[in-house]
Protein backbone atom coordinates (compact mmCIF):
# COMPACT_ATOMS: atom_id res chain seq x y z
CA MET A 1 17.18 18.37 -10.95
CA SER A 2 17.56 14.59 -11.05
CA LEU A 3 14.96 12.21 -9.67
CA PHE A 4 17.41 11.02 -6.98
CA TRP A 5 17.77 14.48 -5.46
CA LYS A 6 14.04 15.12 -5.72
CA ILE A 7 13.30 11.97 -3.71
CA PHE A 8 16.09 12.73 -1.24
CA LEU A 9 15.02 16.32 -0.60
CA SER A 10 11.34 15.43 -0.50
CA PHE A 11 11.78 12.70 2.08
CA GLY A 12 14.13 14.96 4.06
CA ALA A 13 11.63 17.81 4.03
CA ALA A 14 8.82 15.45 5.08
CA MET A 15 10.75 14.05 8.00
CA ALA A 16 11.98 17.50 9.06
CA ALA A 17 8.44 18.89 9.00
CA THR A 18 7.23 15.95 11.06
CA LEU A 19 9.95 16.35 13.67
CA VAL A 20 9.54 20.12 13.90
CA ALA A 21 5.79 19.81 14.29
CA THR A 22 6.20 17.11 16.93
CA VAL A 23 8.74 19.11 18.96
CA TYR A 24 6.68 22.28 18.67
CA VAL A 25 3.48 20.62 19.87
CA SER A 26 5.37 18.84 22.67
CA PHE A 27 6.85 22.11 23.93
CA GLN A 28 3.49 23.83 23.69
CA LEU A 29 1.84 21.11 25.74
CA ALA A 30 4.67 21.14 28.26
CA ARG A 31 4.49 24.94 28.57
CA GLU A 32 0.75 24.81 29.07
CA ALA A 33 0.84 21.98 31.59
CA PHE A 34 -2.43 21.64 33.44
CA ASP A 35 -2.22 22.19 37.21
CA PRO A 36 -5.50 21.18 38.92
CA VAL A 37 -4.47 22.97 42.15
CA ARG A 38 -3.54 26.37 40.68
CA ILE A 39 -6.63 27.10 38.63
CA GLU A 40 -7.94 30.63 38.40
CA GLY A 41 -11.40 30.83 39.98
CA ARG A 42 -11.04 27.42 41.62
CA ASP A 43 -12.38 28.39 45.07
CA PRO A 44 -15.70 29.87 43.84
CA ILE A 45 -16.32 26.69 41.86
CA VAL A 46 -15.68 24.55 44.93
CA ARG A 47 -18.08 26.71 47.00
CA GLU A 48 -20.78 26.45 44.33
CA ALA A 49 -20.47 22.67 44.32
CA ALA A 50 -20.61 22.53 48.12
CA MET A 51 -23.74 24.71 48.19
CA ALA A 52 -25.42 22.58 45.53
CA LEU A 53 -24.69 19.44 47.58
CA ALA A 54 -25.91 21.02 50.78
CA GLU A 55 -29.15 22.31 49.28
CA GLY A 56 -30.14 19.50 46.90
CA GLY A 57 -28.10 16.52 47.96
CA GLU A 58 -26.67 14.22 45.32
CA ARG A 59 -29.39 15.12 42.85
CA GLY A 60 -28.71 18.83 43.23
CA LEU A 61 -24.99 18.20 42.85
CA ARG A 62 -25.61 16.21 39.67
CA ASP A 63 -27.81 18.97 38.23
CA TRP A 64 -25.16 21.57 39.07
CA LEU A 65 -22.49 19.44 37.40
CA ARG A 66 -24.51 19.13 34.20
CA GLU A 67 -24.72 22.92 34.00
CA ASN A 68 -21.05 23.47 34.86
CA THR A 69 -19.03 20.99 32.81
CA ARG A 70 -16.81 23.95 31.70
CA GLN A 71 -15.77 22.16 28.47
CA ASP A 72 -15.53 25.43 26.53
CA SER A 73 -12.83 26.85 28.83
CA GLY A 74 -10.39 24.00 28.24
CA MET A 75 -11.14 22.58 31.68
CA ALA A 76 -13.61 19.86 32.67
CA LEU A 77 -15.21 19.22 36.09
CA LEU A 78 -15.65 15.69 37.35
CA ILE A 79 -17.23 14.57 40.64
CA VAL A 80 -16.28 11.12 41.87
CA GLU A 81 -18.32 9.09 44.34
CA GLU A 82 -16.92 6.87 47.10
CA ASP A 83 -16.95 3.79 44.87
CA GLY A 84 -14.81 5.55 42.25
CA ASP A 85 -17.59 6.18 39.71
CA GLU A 86 -18.05 9.60 38.17
CA LEU A 87 -21.36 11.22 39.00
CA LEU A 88 -22.39 11.58 35.33
CA GLY A 89 -20.91 8.24 34.26
CA ARG A 90 -17.85 9.72 32.52
CA ALA A 91 -14.47 8.02 32.48
CA LEU A 92 -11.60 9.41 34.56
CA PRO A 93 -8.37 10.39 32.81
CA ARG A 94 -5.62 7.82 33.17
CA GLU A 95 -3.29 10.25 34.97
CA MET A 96 -5.98 11.16 37.51
CA ARG A 97 -6.80 7.52 38.21
CA ARG A 98 -3.11 6.88 38.83
CA LEU A 99 -2.87 9.81 41.25
CA LEU A 100 -5.99 8.84 43.17
CA ARG A 101 -4.69 5.33 43.63
CA PHE A 102 -2.16 6.75 46.14
CA ALA A 103 -4.13 9.67 47.56
CA ALA A 104 -6.97 9.99 50.10
CA PRO A 105 -8.90 12.82 51.76
CA GLY A 106 -7.06 14.72 54.44
CA GLY A 107 -9.36 14.43 57.42
CA GLY A 108 -12.64 13.39 58.88
CA GLN A 109 -13.98 10.01 59.81
CA ARG A 110 -15.88 8.11 57.13
CA ARG A 111 -18.44 5.49 57.53
CA GLY A 112 -17.10 1.98 57.44
CA ASP A 113 -13.40 2.87 57.63
CA GLY A 114 -13.01 2.68 61.41
CA GLY A 115 -12.11 6.36 61.63
CA ARG A 116 -8.86 5.81 59.84
CA GLY A 117 -9.51 8.48 57.22
CA ASP A 118 -7.32 6.57 54.82
CA GLY A 119 -9.22 6.94 51.59
CA MET A 120 -12.55 6.93 49.87
CA GLY A 121 -12.86 3.26 49.11
CA PRO A 122 -11.39 1.11 46.37
CA GLY A 123 -12.44 3.62 43.75
CA PHE A 124 -9.88 6.07 45.13
CA GLY A 125 -7.29 3.34 45.41
CA GLN A 126 -6.47 3.41 49.11
CA GLY A 127 -2.92 2.22 49.66
CA ARG A 128 -2.76 -1.44 50.60
CA ASP A 129 0.65 -1.12 52.31
CA ARG A 130 0.15 2.36 53.79
CA PRO A 131 0.99 2.73 57.50
CA PRO A 132 -2.10 3.53 59.65
CA ASN A 133 -0.58 6.72 61.01
CA LEU A 134 0.16 8.23 57.55
CA ARG A 135 -2.32 10.73 56.09
CA PRO A 136 -1.53 11.48 52.44
CA ALA A 137 -1.89 14.94 50.98
CA GLN A 138 -5.32 15.86 49.69
CA LEU A 139 -5.10 16.62 45.95
CA THR A 140 -8.74 17.48 45.28
CA PRO A 141 -11.62 19.23 47.09
CA HIS A 142 -13.45 16.82 49.35
CA LEU A 143 -17.26 17.28 49.58
CA VAL A 144 -19.37 15.59 52.28
CA ALA A 145 -23.15 15.32 52.05
CA ALA A 146 -25.55 15.53 54.99
CA ASP A 147 -25.83 11.75 55.11
CA GLY A 148 -22.04 11.38 55.25
CA GLU A 149 -21.60 10.43 51.57
CA GLU A 150 -18.28 11.74 50.29
CA TYR A 151 -17.47 13.18 46.85
CA ARG A 152 -14.36 14.51 45.18
CA LEU A 153 -14.39 17.45 42.82
CA LEU A 154 -11.74 16.97 40.10
CA PHE A 155 -10.35 19.61 37.76
CA VAL A 156 -9.03 17.98 34.57
CA ARG A 157 -8.04 19.10 31.08
CA ALA A 158 -10.97 19.03 28.66
CA PRO A 159 -10.72 16.51 25.78
CA VAL A 160 -9.41 17.94 22.51
CA PRO A 161 -11.88 17.18 19.65
CA VAL A 162 -10.48 16.28 16.23
CA PHE A 163 -12.90 16.64 13.27
CA GLY A 164 -15.72 15.92 15.71
CA MET A 165 -14.95 12.19 15.52
CA MET A 166 -12.09 11.57 17.91
CA ALA A 167 -11.22 12.90 21.35
CA TRP A 168 -8.29 12.48 23.69
CA PRO A 169 -6.62 14.43 26.47
CA GLY A 170 -3.88 16.78 25.29
CA SER A 171 -0.97 14.43 25.76
CA ARG A 172 1.58 12.32 23.88
CA LEU A 173 -1.24 10.73 21.85
CA ALA A 174 -2.06 14.09 20.30
CA VAL A 175 1.59 14.64 19.45
CA GLY A 176 1.89 11.22 17.82
CA THR A 177 -1.33 11.69 15.86
CA ILE A 178 -0.25 15.04 14.47
CA ALA A 179 3.10 13.61 13.47
CA LEU A 180 1.50 10.61 11.75
CA PHE A 181 -0.97 12.84 9.91
CA ILE A 182 1.74 15.12 8.57
CA ALA A 183 3.93 12.18 7.55
CA ALA A 184 1.02 10.36 5.84
CA LEU A 185 -0.07 13.47 3.92
CA THR A 186 3.46 14.30 2.80
CA SER A 187 4.16 10.70 1.78
CA LEU A 188 0.90 10.56 -0.19
CA LEU A 189 1.74 13.68 -2.16
CA LEU A 190 5.29 12.47 -2.73
CA ALA A 191 4.19 9.02 -3.91
CA ARG A 192 1.69 10.57 -6.29
CA TYR A 193 4.29 12.96 -7.65
CA ILE A 194 6.73 10.14 -8.34
CA SER A 195 4.31 7.47 -9.57
CA ALA A 196 2.09 9.60 -11.84
CA PRO A 197 4.56 9.95 -14.74
CA ILE A 198 5.58 6.31 -14.45
CA ALA A 199 1.93 5.23 -14.66
CA ARG A 200 1.45 7.51 -17.68
CA LEU A 201 4.49 5.93 -19.32
CA GLN A 202 3.08 2.47 -18.61
CA ARG A 203 -0.26 3.31 -20.23
CA ALA A 204 1.50 4.76 -23.26
CA SER A 205 3.67 1.67 -23.72
CA ARG A 206 0.61 -0.59 -23.57
CA ALA A 207 -1.23 1.56 -26.12
CA LEU A 208 1.79 1.49 -28.42
CA ALA A 209 2.04 -2.28 -28.10
CA ALA A 210 -1.68 -2.52 -28.99
CA GLY A 211 -1.04 -0.76 -32.30
CA ALA A 212 -1.80 2.88 -31.49
CA LEU A 213 1.33 4.25 -33.14
CA ASP A 214 0.37 7.88 -32.53
CA THR A 215 0.61 7.42 -28.76
CA ARG A 216 2.87 9.88 -26.96
CA VAL A 217 3.70 10.32 -23.27
CA GLY A 218 4.18 14.07 -23.10
CA GLY A 219 4.05 15.34 -19.53
CA PRO A 220 4.73 18.57 -17.63
CA LYS A 221 7.73 20.60 -18.79
CA GLY A 222 8.95 20.97 -15.21
CA ARG A 223 9.97 17.32 -15.19
CA TRP A 224 11.91 17.25 -18.45
CA ALA A 225 15.28 17.46 -16.65
CA ASP A 226 14.93 14.44 -14.37
CA GLU A 227 15.22 10.75 -15.24
CA VAL A 228 11.50 10.21 -15.75
CA GLY A 229 11.24 13.23 -18.04
CA ILE A 230 14.22 12.05 -20.09
CA LEU A 231 12.70 8.56 -20.31
CA SER A 232 9.39 10.04 -21.47
CA ARG A 233 11.13 12.04 -24.20
CA ASP A 234 13.09 8.98 -25.30
CA PHE A 235 9.86 6.99 -25.41
CA ASP A 236 8.19 9.63 -27.57
CA THR A 237 11.21 9.67 -29.89
CA MET A 238 11.11 5.89 -30.15
CA ALA A 239 7.37 5.95 -30.87
CA GLU A 240 7.83 8.58 -33.58
CA ARG A 241 10.57 6.56 -35.28
CA MET A 242 8.55 3.36 -35.04
CA GLN A 243 5.53 5.08 -36.52
CA ALA A 244 7.64 6.52 -39.33
CA LEU A 245 9.31 3.19 -40.08
CA ILE A 246 6.06 1.24 -40.08
CA THR A 247 4.28 3.87 -42.14
CA ASP A 248 7.13 3.94 -44.65
CA LYS A 249 7.13 0.14 -44.84
CA GLU A 250 3.38 -0.06 -45.37
CA THR A 251 3.55 2.73 -47.95
CA LEU A 252 6.36 0.98 -49.78
CA LEU A 253 4.51 -2.32 -49.68
CA ARG A 254 1.35 -0.71 -51.03
CA ASP A 255 3.20 1.18 -53.74
CA VAL A 256 5.17 -1.87 -54.87
CA SER A 257 2.01 -3.97 -54.93
CA HIS A 258 0.26 -1.30 -56.95
CA GLU A 259 3.15 -1.04 -59.40
CA LEU A 260 3.14 -4.82 -59.89
CA ARG A 261 -0.44 -4.68 -61.14
CA SER A 262 0.58 -2.92 -64.37
CA PRO A 263 3.14 -5.48 -65.67
CA LEU A 264 0.92 -8.29 -64.44
CA ALA A 265 -1.97 -6.93 -66.51
CA ARG A 266 0.29 -6.80 -69.57
CA ILE A 267 1.45 -10.36 -68.90
CA ARG A 268 -2.15 -11.61 -68.76
CA MET A 269 -3.00 -9.75 -71.97
CA ALA A 270 0.01 -11.25 -73.75
CA LEU A 271 -0.94 -14.64 -72.33
CA ALA A 272 -4.44 -14.37 -73.80
CA LEU A 273 -2.96 -13.58 -77.22
CA ALA A 274 -0.53 -16.50 -76.92
CA GLN A 275 -3.37 -18.88 -76.06
CA ARG A 276 -5.13 -17.94 -79.30
CA ARG A 277 -2.06 -18.56 -81.44
CA ALA A 278 -0.62 -21.64 -79.65
CA ASN A 279 -1.37 -25.20 -80.69
CA GLU A 280 -3.01 -27.81 -78.48
CA GLU A 281 0.29 -29.06 -77.06
CA ALA A 282 1.15 -25.64 -75.60
CA GLN A 283 -2.27 -25.03 -74.02
CA PRO A 284 -1.57 -26.90 -70.70
CA ASP A 285 1.57 -24.84 -70.14
CA LEU A 286 -0.24 -21.61 -70.93
CA ALA A 287 -3.08 -22.62 -68.61
CA ARG A 288 -0.55 -23.15 -65.84
CA ILE A 289 0.93 -19.72 -66.47
CA GLU A 290 -2.56 -18.22 -66.32
CA GLN A 291 -3.26 -19.97 -63.02
CA GLU A 292 -0.05 -18.65 -61.46
CA ALA A 293 -0.81 -15.17 -62.78
CA GLU A 294 -4.20 -15.29 -61.09
CA ARG A 295 -2.58 -16.37 -57.85
CA LEU A 296 -0.06 -13.54 -58.13
CA ASP A 297 -2.86 -11.06 -58.77
CA GLU A 298 -4.73 -12.38 -55.73
CA LEU A 299 -1.60 -12.13 -53.60
CA ILE A 300 -1.01 -8.53 -54.68
CA GLY A 301 -4.62 -7.71 -53.81
CA GLN A 302 -4.27 -9.22 -50.35
CA ILE A 303 -1.00 -7.40 -49.70
CA MET A 304 -2.63 -4.11 -50.63
CA THR A 305 -5.57 -4.93 -48.37
CA LEU A 306 -3.25 -5.76 -45.47
CA ALA A 307 -1.27 -2.55 -46.01
CA ARG A 308 -4.49 -0.55 -45.92
CA LEU A 309 -5.67 -2.26 -42.74
CA ARG A 310 -2.32 -1.86 -40.98
CA THR A 311 -2.48 1.93 -41.38
CA GLN A 312 -6.19 2.17 -40.61
CA GLN A 313 -7.18 3.01 -37.03
CA ALA A 314 -10.96 2.66 -37.19
CA LEU A 315 -13.65 1.02 -39.30
CA GLU A 316 -17.04 2.17 -40.44
CA ARG A 317 -19.42 -0.16 -38.62
CA GLU A 318 -23.03 -1.10 -39.10
CA ARG A 319 -25.37 -3.55 -37.48
CA LEU A 320 -25.26 -6.92 -39.23
CA ALA A 321 -26.28 -10.53 -38.74
CA PHE A 322 -23.01 -12.37 -38.21
CA ASP A 323 -24.57 -15.83 -38.67
CA GLU A 324 -25.90 -14.85 -42.11
CA LEU A 325 -22.50 -13.51 -43.13
CA VAL A 326 -20.80 -16.78 -42.10
CA GLN A 327 -23.49 -18.79 -43.90
CA ALA A 328 -22.82 -16.90 -47.14
CA VAL A 329 -19.07 -17.53 -46.86
CA VAL A 330 -19.66 -21.25 -46.23
CA GLU A 331 -21.91 -21.49 -49.29
CA ASP A 332 -19.26 -19.85 -51.46
CA ALA A 333 -16.62 -22.25 -50.12
CA ARG A 334 -18.83 -25.27 -50.84
CA TYR A 335 -19.35 -24.05 -54.40
CA GLU A 336 -15.66 -23.34 -55.00
CA TYR A 337 -14.44 -26.57 -53.34
CA PRO A 338 -17.17 -29.16 -54.00
CA GLU A 339 -14.90 -32.02 -52.91
CA ALA A 340 -14.50 -30.54 -49.39
CA THR A 341 -17.04 -31.07 -46.61
CA VAL A 342 -17.89 -27.88 -44.72
CA ASN A 343 -20.49 -28.24 -41.95
CA PHE A 344 -22.26 -25.22 -40.54
CA GLU A 345 -25.55 -24.85 -38.76
CA ALA A 346 -26.73 -21.70 -37.02
CA THR A 347 -29.49 -22.19 -34.46
CA GLU A 348 -29.51 -18.62 -33.18
CA ARG A 349 -29.31 -15.15 -34.68
CA HIS A 350 -26.12 -13.30 -33.73
CA GLU A 351 -26.02 -9.55 -34.33
CA LEU A 352 -23.08 -7.21 -33.85
CA LEU A 353 -21.65 -3.90 -35.00
CA GLY A 354 -18.91 -4.29 -37.58
CA ASP A 355 -17.57 -3.77 -41.06
CA PRO A 356 -19.28 -6.36 -43.33
CA ARG A 357 -16.53 -6.30 -45.94
CA GLY A 358 -13.73 -6.73 -43.42
CA LEU A 359 -15.52 -9.44 -41.43
CA ARG A 360 -16.38 -11.37 -44.59
CA SER A 361 -12.73 -11.27 -45.65
CA ALA A 362 -11.59 -12.45 -42.20
CA VAL A 363 -14.05 -15.37 -42.06
CA GLU A 364 -13.34 -16.33 -45.67
CA ASN A 365 -9.59 -16.46 -45.08
CA VAL A 366 -9.97 -18.78 -42.06
CA ILE A 367 -12.40 -21.19 -43.78
CA ARG A 368 -10.41 -21.35 -47.00
CA ASN A 369 -7.19 -21.77 -45.04
CA ALA A 370 -8.73 -24.82 -43.33
CA ILE A 371 -9.87 -26.24 -46.70
CA ASN A 372 -6.49 -25.64 -48.32
CA TYR A 373 -4.63 -27.29 -45.47
CA ALA A 374 -6.94 -30.14 -44.46
CA GLY A 375 -9.83 -30.30 -46.90
CA GLU A 376 -9.11 -33.91 -47.80
CA ALA A 377 -8.45 -35.11 -44.23
CA GLY A 378 -12.00 -34.73 -42.98
CA PRO A 379 -14.90 -32.35 -42.58
CA ILE A 380 -14.45 -28.68 -41.74
CA GLU A 381 -16.62 -27.72 -38.75
CA VAL A 382 -17.82 -24.12 -38.52
CA ALA A 383 -19.71 -23.10 -35.37
CA ILE A 384 -20.80 -19.88 -33.67
CA GLU A 385 -21.28 -19.61 -29.93
CA LYS A 386 -22.15 -16.68 -27.72
CA THR A 387 -20.73 -15.94 -24.27
CA ALA A 388 -21.68 -13.25 -21.81
CA GLN A 389 -19.62 -10.63 -23.65
CA ASP A 390 -18.39 -12.12 -26.92
CA ILE A 391 -19.47 -13.88 -30.10
CA VAL A 392 -16.98 -16.62 -31.00
CA LEU A 393 -16.62 -18.26 -34.43
CA ARG A 394 -14.74 -21.58 -34.30
CA VAL A 395 -13.38 -23.22 -37.46
CA THR A 396 -11.89 -26.70 -36.89
CA ASP A 397 -10.33 -29.18 -39.27
CA ALA A 398 -8.95 -32.72 -39.03
CA GLY A 399 -5.62 -32.00 -40.68
CA PRO A 400 -2.06 -32.38 -39.36
CA GLY A 401 -2.24 -29.28 -37.18
CA VAL A 402 0.58 -26.81 -36.62
CA ASN A 403 3.76 -27.08 -34.59
CA GLU A 404 3.37 -25.49 -31.17
CA GLU A 405 6.15 -23.00 -31.87
CA ASP A 406 4.28 -21.84 -35.01
CA LEU A 407 0.85 -21.30 -33.40
CA ALA A 408 1.62 -17.79 -32.21
CA ARG A 409 3.11 -16.78 -35.58
CA ILE A 410 0.64 -18.04 -38.16
CA PHE A 411 -1.14 -14.67 -37.98
CA GLU A 412 2.03 -12.81 -38.99
CA PRO A 413 2.27 -11.56 -42.60
CA LEU A 414 4.08 -13.85 -45.06
CA TYR A 415 4.99 -16.41 -42.41
CA ARG A 416 5.20 -19.97 -43.73
CA VAL A 417 4.43 -22.88 -41.42
CA ASP A 418 5.93 -26.34 -41.56
CA GLN A 419 5.79 -27.85 -45.04
CA SER A 420 4.10 -30.98 -43.66
CA ARG A 421 0.87 -28.98 -43.48
CA ASP A 422 1.37 -27.21 -46.80
CA HIS A 423 0.01 -29.79 -49.22
CA ARG A 424 -2.67 -27.76 -51.05
CA ALA A 425 -1.17 -24.37 -51.78
CA SER A 426 -3.83 -23.01 -54.06
CA GLY A 427 -6.51 -20.40 -54.00
CA PRO A 428 -6.73 -17.11 -52.17
CA GLY A 429 -5.43 -17.13 -48.64
CA SER A 430 -3.43 -20.28 -49.34
CA PRO A 431 -0.70 -21.33 -46.94
CA GLY A 432 1.99 -20.52 -49.44
CA GLN A 433 1.01 -16.85 -49.35
CA GLY A 434 0.72 -16.38 -45.57
CA VAL A 435 -1.30 -13.16 -45.89
CA GLY A 436 -4.91 -14.26 -45.32
CA LEU A 437 -4.59 -14.98 -41.59
CA ALA A 438 -2.67 -11.74 -41.09
CA ILE A 439 -5.63 -9.88 -42.61
CA THR A 440 -7.96 -11.82 -40.31
CA ALA A 441 -5.96 -10.90 -37.22
CA ARG A 442 -5.91 -7.21 -38.16
CA VAL A 443 -9.65 -7.13 -38.86
CA MET A 444 -10.30 -8.71 -35.46
CA GLU A 445 -8.04 -6.16 -33.80
CA LEU A 446 -9.86 -3.24 -35.45
CA HIS A 447 -13.16 -4.67 -34.20
CA GLY A 448 -11.87 -4.94 -30.62
CA GLY A 449 -11.58 -8.73 -30.81
CA ARG A 450 -8.80 -11.23 -31.39
CA ALA A 451 -7.92 -14.33 -33.38
CA THR A 452 -6.33 -17.40 -31.78
CA ALA A 453 -5.26 -20.85 -32.97
CA THR A 454 -4.90 -24.09 -31.00
CA ASN A 455 -4.18 -27.71 -31.87
CA ARG A 456 -7.06 -30.10 -31.21
CA ALA A 457 -6.50 -33.03 -28.89
CA GLY A 458 -7.67 -35.52 -31.54
CA GLY A 459 -5.67 -33.88 -34.32
CA GLY A 460 -6.28 -30.86 -36.46
CA LEU A 461 -6.36 -27.13 -35.90
CA GLU A 462 -8.98 -24.86 -34.38
CA VAL A 463 -9.05 -21.15 -35.20
CA ALA A 464 -11.28 -18.97 -32.99
CA LEU A 465 -12.44 -15.48 -33.94
CA ARG A 466 -13.67 -13.60 -30.89
CA LEU A 467 -15.75 -10.44 -31.40
CA PRO A 468 -17.46 -8.18 -28.85
CA ALA A 469 -21.21 -8.80 -28.80
CA SER A 470 -23.48 -5.90 -29.65
CA ARG A 471 -25.23 -4.38 -26.63
């Protein structure tokens, strides 16, 4: 069944259930309408109240009322004084207040009314425009104490408790509440049924975008025939093909790089023999060939490293001092490039959990990339700072920087930036290779961090390596 018909039938069933429940409850309440005049056992109750008033006065009547609230029988007893207040301080139902506004006791002269017998004071709502010779019908028993104080005994429907927290008379409010409850519950279940697979698909797409190529949506088999089920299967098929393509590409790249090592080794061996036999004039050319062979060997090594990291999902971590690791890399860079100025000073010990080999390679690639690009333009600044959750290594140079459109792509494998920055293409991780920063980005990703690059306001490039701090 398609998703359209599922939504249509679900909403239709929800609305039908709500309407049926509303009509049923309305008819039940109408059939069981409360008639305060035709109540079984009404007269004995009235006599008991009259006797309690005659024997104990208002206090006796109040005590009798406390013992005879009759809540458990679906009926409640209320006794109203002349001023309209209930004897126990309870509120009168709205319908009863409306009826008493136009009704008064049927006979007898009350104090203060001039013998008109036209009501029991403002609390009973005596009619303002009522003719003096009109005596309305008496709707409730009328009790008179020995001192002439008048009381009305009211029979009303008992409040209907809901979960012990709410109460209302059985009326239209109860009908509306039941209808709203059914509609809310049905809509909640329907929304969850529809949104759950979409949310699962969203989580899977984010995981796939983050590099988890083995992510699959899956889902219940009962939903395979609708649009969401078909989309989930298509997503899983796409993820499988992407994983196969990327795995095949990385395998091919690793195999080709490995196969290149054999002829390269033979070339270097033949080069060594040629250097022994060649005269002095040929030595510079042979030295140049040797240098390019070393660069090619380094490039092959980095490609194999990147291929290994791209297929790796986790690293073996150990606790290490990150500041000491960076210090060692800086010392190696100073030794290899004595003409470059690399400044680094660690004032605090920074520990984290990570792979020492991978982190050293990542830091080395960034520092050497800065030297290769801008080593002659000014000093290379290396600094470590710690935030609430991260340890950040910042490597800044004073070179020409990178075009804004290239900033987001310099961490891609084999991507070459603008040639205006590529003026020292030598050494491992050089800009001509475009592999070192890709390795750095992948190492950061495997450690739960990230690598970013920004142009400095005063010129130059800043590369930041952000790693989660060890707890």
